[in-house]
Amino acid sequence: GETFAGVPLEEGVAAVEDLQRVVPEELTLAQFALRWIL
């Protein structure tokens, strides 16, 4: 679970592609993830 949060890499990459579609223009994906947490 400490590596890729336990997500199989291929599945994670596919999920990232889906998630990218909802990231606001002013944020990077990393900033979106951090803002989501905060």
Full PDB file with SEQRES, HELIX, SHEET, SSBOND, CRYST1, ORIGX, SCALE, CONECT and MASTER records, all heavy atoms in Angstrom:
SEQRES   1 A   38  GLY GLU THR PHE ALA GLY VAL PRO LEU GLU GLU GLY VAL          
SEQRES   2 A   38  ALA ALA VAL GLU ASP LEU GLN ARG VAL VAL PRO GLU GLU          
SEQRES   3 A   38  LEU THR LEU ALA GLN PHE ALA LEU ARG TRP ILE LEU              
HELIX    1 AA1 PHE A    4  GLY A    6  5                                   3    
HELIX    2 AA2 LEU A    9  GLN A   20  1                                  12    
HELIX    3 AA3 LEU A   29  ILE A   37  1                                   9    
CRYST1    1.000    1.000    1.000  90.00  90.00  90.00 P 1           1          
ORIGX1      1.000000  0.000000  0.000000        0.00000                         
ORIGX2      0.000000  1.000000  0.000000        0.00000                         
ORIGX3      0.000000  0.000000  1.000000        0.00000                         
SCALE1      1.000000  0.000000  0.000000        0.00000                         
SCALE2      0.000000  1.000000  0.000000        0.00000                         
SCALE3      0.000000  0.000000  1.000000        0.00000                         
ATOM      1  N   GLY A   1       0.794  -1.218   0.000  1.00  0.00           N  
ATOM      2  CA  GLY A   1       0.000   0.000   0.000  1.00  0.00           C  
ATOM      3  C   GLY A   1       0.830   1.274   0.000  1.00  0.00           C  
ATOM      4  O   GLY A   1       0.311   2.356  -0.299  1.00  0.00           O  
ATOM      5  N   GLU A   2       2.125   1.175   0.331  1.00  0.00           N  
ATOM      6  CA  GLU A   2       3.009   2.340   0.324  1.00  0.00           C  
ATOM      7  C   GLU A   2       3.490   2.676  -1.087  1.00  0.00           C  
ATOM      8  O   GLU A   2       4.060   3.751  -1.298  1.00  0.00           O  
ATOM      9  CB  GLU A   2       4.224   2.091   1.223  1.00  0.00           C  
ATOM     10  CG  GLU A   2       3.888   1.761   2.664  1.00  0.00           C  
ATOM     11  CD  GLU A   2       3.398   2.963   3.453  1.00  0.00           C  
ATOM     12  OE1 GLU A   2       3.601   4.098   2.981  1.00  0.00           O  
ATOM     13  OE2 GLU A   2       2.817   2.765   4.531  1.00  0.00           O  
ATOM     14  N   THR A   3       3.316   1.771  -2.028  1.00  0.00           N  
ATOM     15  CA  THR A   3       3.788   1.959  -3.403  1.00  0.00           C  
ATOM     16  C   THR A   3       2.583   2.120  -4.321  1.00  0.00           C  
ATOM     17  O   THR A   3       1.739   1.226  -4.417  1.00  0.00           O  
ATOM     18  CB  THR A   3       4.640   0.744  -3.845  1.00  0.00           C  
ATOM     19  OG1 THR A   3       5.767   0.631  -2.958  1.00  0.00           O  
ATOM     20  CG2 THR A   3       5.132   0.914  -5.269  1.00  0.00           C  
ATOM     21  N   PHE A   4       2.489   3.287  -4.963  1.00  0.00           N  
ATOM     22  CA  PHE A   4       1.322   3.637  -5.785  1.00  0.00           C  
ATOM     23  C   PHE A   4       0.018   3.516  -5.000  1.00  0.00           C  
ATOM     24  O   PHE A   4      -1.042   3.231  -5.567  1.00  0.00           O  
ATOM     25  CB  PHE A   4       1.265   2.793  -7.059  1.00  0.00           C  
ATOM     26  CG  PHE A   4       2.472   2.929  -7.940  1.00  0.00           C  
ATOM     27  CD1 PHE A   4       3.151   1.808  -8.416  1.00  0.00           C  
ATOM     28  CD2 PHE A   4       2.946   4.171  -8.315  1.00  0.00           C  
ATOM     29  CE1 PHE A   4       4.262   1.930  -9.241  1.00  0.00           C  
ATOM     30  CE2 PHE A   4       4.064   4.308  -9.133  1.00  0.00           C  
ATOM     31  CZ  PHE A   4       4.726   3.185  -9.592  1.00  0.00           C  
ATOM     32  N   ALA A   5       0.121   3.699  -3.651  1.00  0.00           N  
ATOM     33  CA  ALA A   5      -1.047   3.605  -2.767  1.00  0.00           C  
ATOM     34  C   ALA A   5      -1.736   2.246  -2.857  1.00  0.00           C  
ATOM     35  O   ALA A   5      -2.909   2.108  -2.503  1.00  0.00           O  
ATOM     36  CB  ALA A   5      -2.040   4.735  -3.048  1.00  0.00           C  
ATOM     37  N   GLY A   6      -1.004   1.233  -3.341  1.00  0.00           N  
ATOM     38  CA  GLY A   6      -1.557  -0.109  -3.450  1.00  0.00           C  
ATOM     39  C   GLY A   6      -2.316  -0.378  -4.728  1.00  0.00           C  
ATOM     40  O   GLY A   6      -2.849  -1.475  -4.925  1.00  0.00           O  
ATOM     41  N   VAL A   7      -2.353   0.606  -5.626  1.00  0.00           N  
ATOM     42  CA  VAL A   7      -3.102   0.468  -6.877  1.00  0.00           C  
ATOM     43  C   VAL A   7      -2.201  -0.175  -7.937  1.00  0.00           C  
ATOM     44  O   VAL A   7      -1.071   0.280  -8.133  1.00  0.00           O  
ATOM     45  CB  VAL A   7      -3.571   1.846  -7.381  1.00  0.00           C  
ATOM     46  CG1 VAL A   7      -4.342   1.716  -8.685  1.00  0.00           C  
ATOM     47  CG2 VAL A   7      -4.422   2.532  -6.317  1.00  0.00           C  
ATOM     48  N   PRO A   8      -2.644  -1.217  -8.631  1.00  0.00           N  
ATOM     49  CA  PRO A   8      -1.852  -1.753  -9.738  1.00  0.00           C  
ATOM     50  C   PRO A   8      -1.544  -0.644 -10.743  1.00  0.00           C  
ATOM     51  O   PRO A   8      -2.427   0.166 -11.076  1.00  0.00           O  
ATOM     52  CB  PRO A   8      -2.762  -2.829 -10.341  1.00  0.00           C  
ATOM     53  CG  PRO A   8      -3.682  -3.212  -9.225  1.00  0.00           C  
ATOM     54  CD  PRO A   8      -3.907  -1.962  -8.438  1.00  0.00           C  
ATOM     55  N   LEU A   9      -0.304  -0.586 -11.209  1.00  0.00           N  
ATOM     56  CA  LEU A   9       0.134   0.549 -12.006  1.00  0.00           C  
ATOM     57  C   LEU A   9      -0.750   0.782 -13.222  1.00  0.00           C  
ATOM     58  O   LEU A   9      -1.148   1.919 -13.515  1.00  0.00           O  
ATOM     59  CB  LEU A   9       1.593   0.352 -12.434  1.00  0.00           C  
ATOM     60  CG  LEU A   9       2.207   1.485 -13.258  1.00  0.00           C  
ATOM     61  CD1 LEU A   9       2.118   2.812 -12.535  1.00  0.00           C  
ATOM     62  CD2 LEU A   9       3.658   1.157 -13.605  1.00  0.00           C  
ATOM     63  N   GLU A  10      -1.055  -0.265 -13.965  1.00  0.00           N  
ATOM     64  CA  GLU A  10      -1.836  -0.081 -15.190  1.00  0.00           C  
ATOM     65  C   GLU A  10      -3.221   0.487 -14.882  1.00  0.00           C  
ATOM     66  O   GLU A  10      -3.713   1.371 -15.595  1.00  0.00           O  
ATOM     67  CB  GLU A  10      -1.964  -1.412 -15.945  1.00  0.00           C  
ATOM     68  CG  GLU A  10      -0.646  -1.963 -16.486  1.00  0.00           C  
ATOM     69  CD  GLU A  10       0.217  -2.619 -15.425  1.00  0.00           C  
ATOM     70  OE1 GLU A  10      -0.265  -2.794 -14.276  1.00  0.00           O  
ATOM     71  OE2 GLU A  10       1.384  -2.943 -15.719  1.00  0.00           O  
ATOM     72  N   GLU A  11      -3.856  -0.017 -13.832  1.00  0.00           N  
ATOM     73  CA  GLU A  11      -5.166   0.501 -13.436  1.00  0.00           C  
ATOM     74  C   GLU A  11      -5.061   1.947 -12.968  1.00  0.00           C  
ATOM     75  O   GLU A  11      -5.929   2.779 -13.241  1.00  0.00           O  
ATOM     76  CB  GLU A  11      -5.771  -0.362 -12.328  1.00  0.00           C  
ATOM     77  CG  GLU A  11      -6.290  -1.705 -12.804  1.00  0.00           C  
ATOM     78  CD  GLU A  11      -7.423  -1.553 -13.806  1.00  0.00           C  
ATOM     79  OE1 GLU A  11      -8.280  -0.667 -13.625  1.00  0.00           O  
ATOM     80  OE2 GLU A  11      -7.442  -2.317 -14.784  1.00  0.00           O  
ATOM     81  N   GLY A  12      -3.985   2.245 -12.273  1.00  0.00           N  
ATOM     82  CA  GLY A  12      -3.785   3.602 -11.803  1.00  0.00           C  
ATOM     83  C   GLY A  12      -3.614   4.590 -12.939  1.00  0.00           C  
ATOM     84  O   GLY A  12      -4.163   5.701 -12.904  1.00  0.00           O  
ATOM     85  N   VAL A  13      -2.866   4.206 -13.941  1.00  0.00           N  
ATOM     86  CA  VAL A  13      -2.661   5.078 -15.099  1.00  0.00           C  
ATOM     87  C   VAL A  13      -3.981   5.350 -15.811  1.00  0.00           C  
ATOM     88  O   VAL A  13      -4.281   6.488 -16.207  1.00  0.00           O  
ATOM     89  CB  VAL A  13      -1.626   4.455 -16.055  1.00  0.00           C  
ATOM     90  CG1 VAL A  13      -1.590   5.210 -17.383  1.00  0.00           C  
ATOM     91  CG2 VAL A  13      -0.239   4.455 -15.410  1.00  0.00           C  
ATOM     92  N   ALA A  14      -4.799   4.313 -15.971  1.00  0.00           N  
ATOM     93  CA  ALA A  14      -6.108   4.497 -16.612  1.00  0.00           C  
ATOM     94  C   ALA A  14      -6.999   5.413 -15.776  1.00  0.00           C  
ATOM     95  O   ALA A  14      -7.720   6.268 -16.314  1.00  0.00           O  
ATOM     96  CB  ALA A  14      -6.776   3.140 -16.818  1.00  0.00           C  
ATOM     97  N   ALA A  15      -6.951   5.254 -14.452  1.00  0.00           N  
ATOM     98  CA  ALA A  15      -7.766   6.095 -13.581  1.00  0.00           C  
ATOM     99  C   ALA A  15      -7.305   7.549 -13.635  1.00  0.00           C  
ATOM    100  O   ALA A  15      -8.129   8.473 -13.579  1.00  0.00           O  
ATOM    101  CB  ALA A  15      -7.706   5.575 -12.149  1.00  0.00           C  
ATOM    102  N   VAL A  16      -5.992   7.761 -13.741  1.00  0.00           N  
ATOM    103  CA  VAL A  16      -5.461   9.127 -13.857  1.00  0.00           C  
ATOM    104  C   VAL A  16      -6.013   9.806 -15.110  1.00  0.00           C  
ATOM    105  O   VAL A  16      -6.376  10.992 -15.085  1.00  0.00           O  
ATOM    106  CB  VAL A  16      -3.918   9.105 -13.867  1.00  0.00           C  
ATOM    107  CG1 VAL A  16      -3.363  10.428 -14.405  1.00  0.00           C  
ATOM    108  CG2 VAL A  16      -3.390   8.849 -12.465  1.00  0.00           C  
ATOM    109  N   GLU A  17      -6.097   9.077 -16.196  1.00  0.00           N  
ATOM    110  CA  GLU A  17      -6.643   9.653 -17.438  1.00  0.00           C  
ATOM    111  C   GLU A  17      -8.083  10.120 -17.224  1.00  0.00           C  
ATOM    112  O   GLU A  17      -8.486  11.187 -17.704  1.00  0.00           O  
ATOM    113  CB  GLU A  17      -6.570   8.627 -18.565  1.00  0.00           C  
ATOM    114  CG  GLU A  17      -5.144   8.306 -18.999  1.00  0.00           C  
ATOM    115  CD  GLU A  17      -5.106   7.264 -20.093  1.00  0.00           C  
ATOM    116  OE1 GLU A  17      -6.199   6.786 -20.507  1.00  0.00           O  
ATOM    117  OE2 GLU A  17      -4.000   6.907 -20.547  1.00  0.00           O  
ATOM    118  N   ASP A  18      -8.862   9.335 -16.490  1.00  0.00           N  
ATOM    119  CA  ASP A  18     -10.242   9.730 -16.195  1.00  0.00           C  
ATOM    120  C   ASP A  18     -10.282  10.946 -15.275  1.00  0.00           C  
ATOM    121  O   ASP A  18     -11.092  11.863 -15.462  1.00  0.00           O  
ATOM    122  CB  ASP A  18     -10.996   8.568 -15.537  1.00  0.00           C  
ATOM    123  CG  ASP A  18     -11.271   7.423 -16.508  1.00  0.00           C  
ATOM    124  OD1 ASP A  18     -11.097   7.618 -17.728  1.00  0.00           O  
ATOM    125  OD2 ASP A  18     -11.650   6.333 -16.032  1.00  0.00           O  
ATOM    126  N   LEU A  19      -9.409  10.942 -14.275  1.00  0.00           N  
ATOM    127  CA  LEU A  19      -9.418  12.027 -13.301  1.00  0.00           C  
ATOM    128  C   LEU A  19      -8.981  13.353 -13.923  1.00  0.00           C  
ATOM    129  O   LEU A  19      -9.485  14.422 -13.550  1.00  0.00           O  
ATOM    130  CB  LEU A  19      -8.499  11.654 -12.132  1.00  0.00           C  
ATOM    131  CG  LEU A  19      -8.638  12.468 -10.839  1.00  0.00           C  
ATOM    132  CD1 LEU A  19     -10.044  12.353 -10.265  1.00  0.00           C  
ATOM    133  CD2 LEU A  19      -7.597  11.989  -9.815  1.00  0.00           C  
ATOM    134  N   GLN A  20      -8.048  13.280 -14.866  1.00  0.00           N  
ATOM    135  CA  GLN A  20      -7.555  14.497 -15.510  1.00  0.00           C  
ATOM    136  C   GLN A  20      -8.699  15.321 -16.099  1.00  0.00           C  
ATOM    137  O   GLN A  20      -8.615  16.551 -16.167  1.00  0.00           O  
ATOM    138  CB  GLN A  20      -6.575  14.130 -16.628  1.00  0.00           C  
ATOM    139  CG  GLN A  20      -5.207  13.645 -16.154  1.00  0.00           C  
ATOM    140  CD  GLN A  20      -4.212  14.783 -15.921  1.00  0.00           C  
ATOM    141  OE1 GLN A  20      -4.615  15.922 -15.721  1.00  0.00           O  
ATOM    142  NE2 GLN A  20      -2.931  14.470 -15.980  1.00  0.00           N  
ATOM    143  N   ARG A  21      -9.762  14.664 -16.517  1.00  0.00           N  
ATOM    144  CA  ARG A  21     -10.859  15.353 -17.193  1.00  0.00           C  
ATOM    145  C   ARG A  21     -11.634  16.279 -16.257  1.00  0.00           C  
ATOM    146  O   ARG A  21     -12.369  17.152 -16.726  1.00  0.00           O  
ATOM    147  CB  ARG A  21     -11.818  14.324 -17.810  1.00  0.00           C  
ATOM    148  CG  ARG A  21     -11.154  13.418 -18.848  1.00  0.00           C  
ATOM    149  CD  ARG A  21     -12.178  12.541 -19.558  1.00  0.00           C  
ATOM    150  NE  ARG A  21     -11.528  11.630 -20.493  1.00  0.00           N  
ATOM    151  CZ  ARG A  21     -11.320  10.339 -20.254  1.00  0.00           C  
ATOM    152  NH1 ARG A  21     -11.743   9.804 -19.112  1.00  0.00           N  
ATOM    153  NH2 ARG A  21     -10.718   9.582 -21.141  1.00  0.00           N  
ATOM    154  N   VAL A  22     -11.492  16.092 -14.941  1.00  0.00           N  
ATOM    155  CA  VAL A  22     -12.248  16.937 -14.015  1.00  0.00           C  
ATOM    156  C   VAL A  22     -11.363  17.943 -13.284  1.00  0.00           C  
ATOM    157  O   VAL A  22     -11.836  18.648 -12.403  1.00  0.00           O  
ATOM    158  CB  VAL A  22     -13.018  16.075 -12.988  1.00  0.00           C  
ATOM    159  CG1 VAL A  22     -13.934  15.111 -13.705  1.00  0.00           C  
ATOM    160  CG2 VAL A  22     -12.084  15.332 -12.039  1.00  0.00           C  
ATOM    161  N   VAL A  23     -10.088  18.027 -13.671  1.00  0.00           N  
ATOM    162  CA  VAL A  23      -9.169  18.972 -13.022  1.00  0.00           C  
ATOM    163  C   VAL A  23      -9.388  20.368 -13.604  1.00  0.00           C  
ATOM    164  O   VAL A  23      -9.348  20.541 -14.827  1.00  0.00           O  
ATOM    165  CB  VAL A  23      -7.703  18.533 -13.232  1.00  0.00           C  
ATOM    166  CG1 VAL A  23      -6.746  19.568 -12.642  1.00  0.00           C  
ATOM    167  CG2 VAL A  23      -7.473  17.163 -12.596  1.00  0.00           C  
ATOM    168  N   PRO A  24      -9.604  21.374 -12.770  1.00  0.00           N  
ATOM    169  CA  PRO A  24      -9.777  22.731 -13.294  1.00  0.00           C  
ATOM    170  C   PRO A  24      -8.530  23.204 -14.035  1.00  0.00           C  
ATOM    171  O   PRO A  24      -7.410  22.762 -13.733  1.00  0.00           O  
ATOM    172  CB  PRO A  24     -10.007  23.574 -12.032  1.00  0.00           C  
ATOM    173  CG  PRO A  24     -10.414  22.610 -10.975  1.00  0.00           C  
ATOM    174  CD  PRO A  24      -9.754  21.310 -11.311  1.00  0.00           C  
ATOM    175  N   GLU A  25      -8.717  24.101 -14.980  1.00  0.00           N  
ATOM    176  CA  GLU A  25      -7.603  24.565 -15.803  1.00  0.00           C  
ATOM    177  C   GLU A  25      -6.484  25.181 -14.984  1.00  0.00           C  
ATOM    178  O   GLU A  25      -5.311  25.092 -15.356  1.00  0.00           O  
ATOM    179  CB  GLU A  25      -8.104  25.584 -16.837  1.00  0.00           C  
ATOM    180  CG  GLU A  25      -8.963  24.987 -17.935  1.00  0.00           C  
ATOM    181  CD  GLU A  25      -9.336  26.023 -18.977  1.00  0.00           C  
ATOM    182  OE1 GLU A  25      -8.872  27.184 -18.859  1.00  0.00           O  
ATOM    183  OE2 GLU A  25     -10.099  25.685 -19.905  1.00  0.00           O  
ATOM    184  N   GLU A  26      -6.839  25.830 -13.883  1.00  0.00           N  
ATOM    185  CA  GLU A  26      -5.835  26.549 -13.102  1.00  0.00           C  
ATOM    186  C   GLU A  26      -5.005  25.649 -12.197  1.00  0.00           C  
ATOM    187  O   GLU A  26      -4.042  26.099 -11.557  1.00  0.00           O  
ATOM    188  CB  GLU A  26      -6.495  27.646 -12.257  1.00  0.00           C  
ATOM    189  CG  GLU A  26      -7.414  27.153 -11.152  1.00  0.00           C  
ATOM    190  CD  GLU A  26      -8.854  26.962 -11.611  1.00  0.00           C  
ATOM    191  OE1 GLU A  26      -9.085  26.840 -12.833  1.00  0.00           O  
ATOM    192  OE2 GLU A  26      -9.746  26.925 -10.732  1.00  0.00           O  
ATOM    193  N   LEU A  27      -5.346  24.365 -12.111  1.00  0.00           N  
ATOM    194  CA  LEU A  27      -4.643  23.429 -11.245  1.00  0.00           C  
ATOM    195  C   LEU A  27      -3.924  22.360 -12.042  1.00  0.00           C  
ATOM    196  O   LEU A  27      -4.418  21.910 -13.083  1.00  0.00           O  
ATOM    197  CB  LEU A  27      -5.625  22.726 -10.301  1.00  0.00           C  
ATOM    198  CG  LEU A  27      -6.410  23.559  -9.295  1.00  0.00           C  
ATOM    199  CD1 LEU A  27      -7.320  22.661  -8.478  1.00  0.00           C  
ATOM    200  CD2 LEU A  27      -5.488  24.319  -8.388  1.00  0.00           C  
ATOM    201  N   THR A  28      -2.757  21.945 -11.549  1.00  0.00           N  
ATOM    202  CA  THR A  28      -2.155  20.719 -12.065  1.00  0.00           C  
ATOM    203  C   THR A  28      -2.862  19.535 -11.406  1.00  0.00           C  
ATOM    204  O   THR A  28      -3.589  19.699 -10.415  1.00  0.00           O  
ATOM    205  CB  THR A  28      -0.657  20.659 -11.738  1.00  0.00           C  
ATOM    206  OG1 THR A  28      -0.502  20.565 -10.304  1.00  0.00           O  
ATOM    207  CG2 THR A  28       0.077  21.897 -12.261  1.00  0.00           C  
ATOM    208  N   LEU A  29      -2.632  18.349 -11.922  1.00  0.00           N  
ATOM    209  CA  LEU A  29      -3.235  17.162 -11.309  1.00  0.00           C  
ATOM    210  C   LEU A  29      -2.757  17.009  -9.869  1.00  0.00           C  
ATOM    211  O   LEU A  29      -3.549  16.685  -8.976  1.00  0.00           O  
ATOM    212  CB  LEU A  29      -2.900  15.915 -12.125  1.00  0.00           C  
ATOM    213  CG  LEU A  29      -3.422  14.586 -11.559  1.00  0.00           C  
ATOM    214  CD1 LEU A  29      -4.940  14.588 -11.474  1.00  0.00           C  
ATOM    215  CD2 LEU A  29      -2.926  13.416 -12.410  1.00  0.00           C  
ATOM    216  N   ALA A  30      -1.463  17.242  -9.631  1.00  0.00           N  
ATOM    217  CA  ALA A  30      -0.936  17.128  -8.269  1.00  0.00           C  
ATOM    218  C   ALA A  30      -1.612  18.125  -7.344  1.00  0.00           C  
ATOM    219  O   ALA A  30      -1.998  17.791  -6.209  1.00  0.00           O  
ATOM    220  CB  ALA A  30       0.573  17.339  -8.264  1.00  0.00           C  
ATOM    221  N   GLN A  31      -1.793  19.348  -7.787  1.00  0.00           N  
ATOM    222  CA  GLN A  31      -2.475  20.343  -6.965  1.00  0.00           C  
ATOM    223  C   GLN A  31      -3.923  19.967  -6.723  1.00  0.00           C  
ATOM    224  O   GLN A  31      -4.459  20.188  -5.630  1.00  0.00           O  
ATOM    225  CB  GLN A  31      -2.379  21.716  -7.625  1.00  0.00           C  
ATOM    226  CG  GLN A  31      -0.984  22.317  -7.598  1.00  0.00           C  
ATOM    227  CD  GLN A  31      -0.875  23.581  -8.412  1.00  0.00           C  
ATOM    228  OE1 GLN A  31      -1.589  23.753  -9.412  1.00  0.00           O  
ATOM    229  NE2 GLN A  31       0.004  24.475  -8.020  1.00  0.00           N  
ATOM    230  N   PHE A  32      -4.555  19.399  -7.719  1.00  0.00           N  
ATOM    231  CA  PHE A  32      -5.936  18.926  -7.553  1.00  0.00           C  
ATOM    232  C   PHE A  32      -6.000  17.877  -6.447  1.00  0.00           C  
ATOM    233  O   PHE A  32      -6.866  17.927  -5.566  1.00  0.00           O  
ATOM    234  CB  PHE A  32      -6.445  18.346  -8.871  1.00  0.00           C  
ATOM    235  CG  PHE A  32      -7.828  17.746  -8.794  1.00  0.00           C  
ATOM    236  CD1 PHE A  32      -8.953  18.531  -8.999  1.00  0.00           C  
ATOM    237  CD2 PHE A  32      -8.006  16.396  -8.533  1.00  0.00           C  
ATOM    238  CE1 PHE A  32     -10.234  17.987  -8.924  1.00  0.00           C  
ATOM    239  CE2 PHE A  32      -9.274  15.836  -8.462  1.00  0.00           C  
ATOM    240  CZ  PHE A  32     -10.394  16.640  -8.664  1.00  0.00           C  
ATOM    241  N   ALA A  33      -5.075  16.909  -6.479  1.00  0.00           N  
ATOM    242  CA  ALA A  33      -5.073  15.855  -5.465  1.00  0.00           C  
ATOM    243  C   ALA A  33      -4.840  16.426  -4.073  1.00  0.00           C  
ATOM    244  O   ALA A  33      -5.510  16.030  -3.105  1.00  0.00           O  
ATOM    245  CB  ALA A  33      -4.009  14.811  -5.797  1.00  0.00           C  
ATOM    246  N   LEU A  34      -3.908  17.363  -3.948  1.00  0.00           N  
ATOM    247  CA  LEU A  34      -3.619  17.957  -2.646  1.00  0.00           C  
ATOM    248  C   LEU A  34      -4.781  18.816  -2.148  1.00  0.00           C  
ATOM    249  O   LEU A  34      -5.130  18.789  -0.965  1.00  0.00           O  
ATOM    250  CB  LEU A  34      -2.334  18.783  -2.723  1.00  0.00           C  
ATOM    251  CG  LEU A  34      -1.057  17.979  -3.001  1.00  0.00           C  
ATOM    252  CD1 LEU A  34       0.112  18.914  -3.283  1.00  0.00           C  
ATOM    253  CD2 LEU A  34      -0.725  17.048  -1.828  1.00  0.00           C  
ATOM    254  N   ARG A  35      -5.380  19.581  -3.074  1.00  0.00           N  
ATOM    255  CA  ARG A  35      -6.525  20.394  -2.694  1.00  0.00           C  
ATOM    256  C   ARG A  35      -7.693  19.504  -2.275  1.00  0.00           C  
ATOM    257  O   ARG A  35      -8.411  19.820  -1.316  1.00  0.00           O  
ATOM    258  CB  ARG A  35      -6.935  21.294  -3.860  1.00  0.00           C  
ATOM    259  CG  ARG A  35      -8.041  22.302  -3.601  1.00  0.00           C  
ATOM    260  CD  ARG A  35      -7.642  23.326  -2.569  1.00  0.00           C  
ATOM    261  NE  ARG A  35      -8.249  23.039  -1.275  1.00  0.00           N  
ATOM    262  CZ  ARG A  35      -7.951  23.721  -0.177  1.00  0.00           C  
ATOM    263  NH1 ARG A  35      -7.057  24.703  -0.211  1.00  0.00           N  
ATOM    264  NH2 ARG A  35      -8.529  23.421   0.968  1.00  0.00           N  
ATOM    265  N   TRP A  36      -7.887  18.394  -2.984  1.00  0.00           N  
ATOM    266  CA  TRP A  36      -8.933  17.428  -2.635  1.00  0.00           C  
ATOM    267  C   TRP A  36      -8.737  16.961  -1.192  1.00  0.00           C  
ATOM    268  O   TRP A  36      -9.690  16.901  -0.404  1.00  0.00           O  
ATOM    269  CB  TRP A  36      -8.882  16.257  -3.606  1.00  0.00           C  
ATOM    270  CG  TRP A  36      -9.914  15.199  -3.418  1.00  0.00           C  
ATOM    271  CD1 TRP A  36     -11.145  15.121  -4.002  1.00  0.00           C  
ATOM    272  CD2 TRP A  36      -9.801  14.041  -2.562  1.00  0.00           C  
ATOM    273  NE1 TRP A  36     -11.802  13.995  -3.569  1.00  0.00           N  
ATOM    274  CE2 TRP A  36     -11.013  13.315  -2.693  1.00  0.00           C  
ATOM    275  CE3 TRP A  36      -8.810  13.559  -1.718  1.00  0.00           C  
ATOM    276  CZ2 TRP A  36     -11.239  12.129  -2.001  1.00  0.00           C  
ATOM    277  CZ3 TRP A  36      -9.034  12.379  -1.013  1.00  0.00           C  
ATOM    278  CH2 TRP A  36     -10.247  11.672  -1.162  1.00  0.00           C  
ATOM    279  N   ILE A  37      -7.511  16.650  -0.823  1.00  0.00           N  
ATOM    280  CA  ILE A  37      -7.209  16.197   0.537  1.00  0.00           C  
ATOM    281  C   ILE A  37      -7.488  17.301   1.550  1.00  0.00           C  
ATOM    282  O   ILE A  37      -8.111  17.073   2.592  1.00  0.00           O  
ATOM    283  CB  ILE A  37      -5.737  15.741   0.630  1.00  0.00           C  
ATOM    284  CG1 ILE A  37      -5.513  14.472  -0.209  1.00  0.00           C  
ATOM    285  CG2 ILE A  37      -5.328  15.504   2.080  1.00  0.00           C  
ATOM    286  CD1 ILE A  37      -4.050  14.156  -0.472  1.00  0.00           C  
ATOM    287  N   LEU A  38      -7.038  18.512   1.249  1.00  0.00           N  
ATOM    288  CA  LEU A  38      -7.183  19.621   2.189  1.00  0.00           C  
ATOM    289  C   LEU A  38      -8.635  20.046   2.377  1.00  0.00           C  
ATOM    290  O   LEU A  38      -8.952  20.736   3.351  1.00  0.00           O  
ATOM    291  CB  LEU A  38      -6.339  20.807   1.730  1.00  0.00           C  
ATOM    292  CG  LEU A  38      -4.825  20.604   1.800  1.00  0.00           C  
ATOM    293  CD1 LEU A  38      -4.102  21.780   1.157  1.00  0.00           C  
ATOM    294  CD2 LEU A  38      -4.368  20.407   3.250  1.00  0.00           C  
TER     295      LEU A  38                                                      
MASTER        0    0    0    3    0    0    0    6  294    1    0    3          
END                                                                             
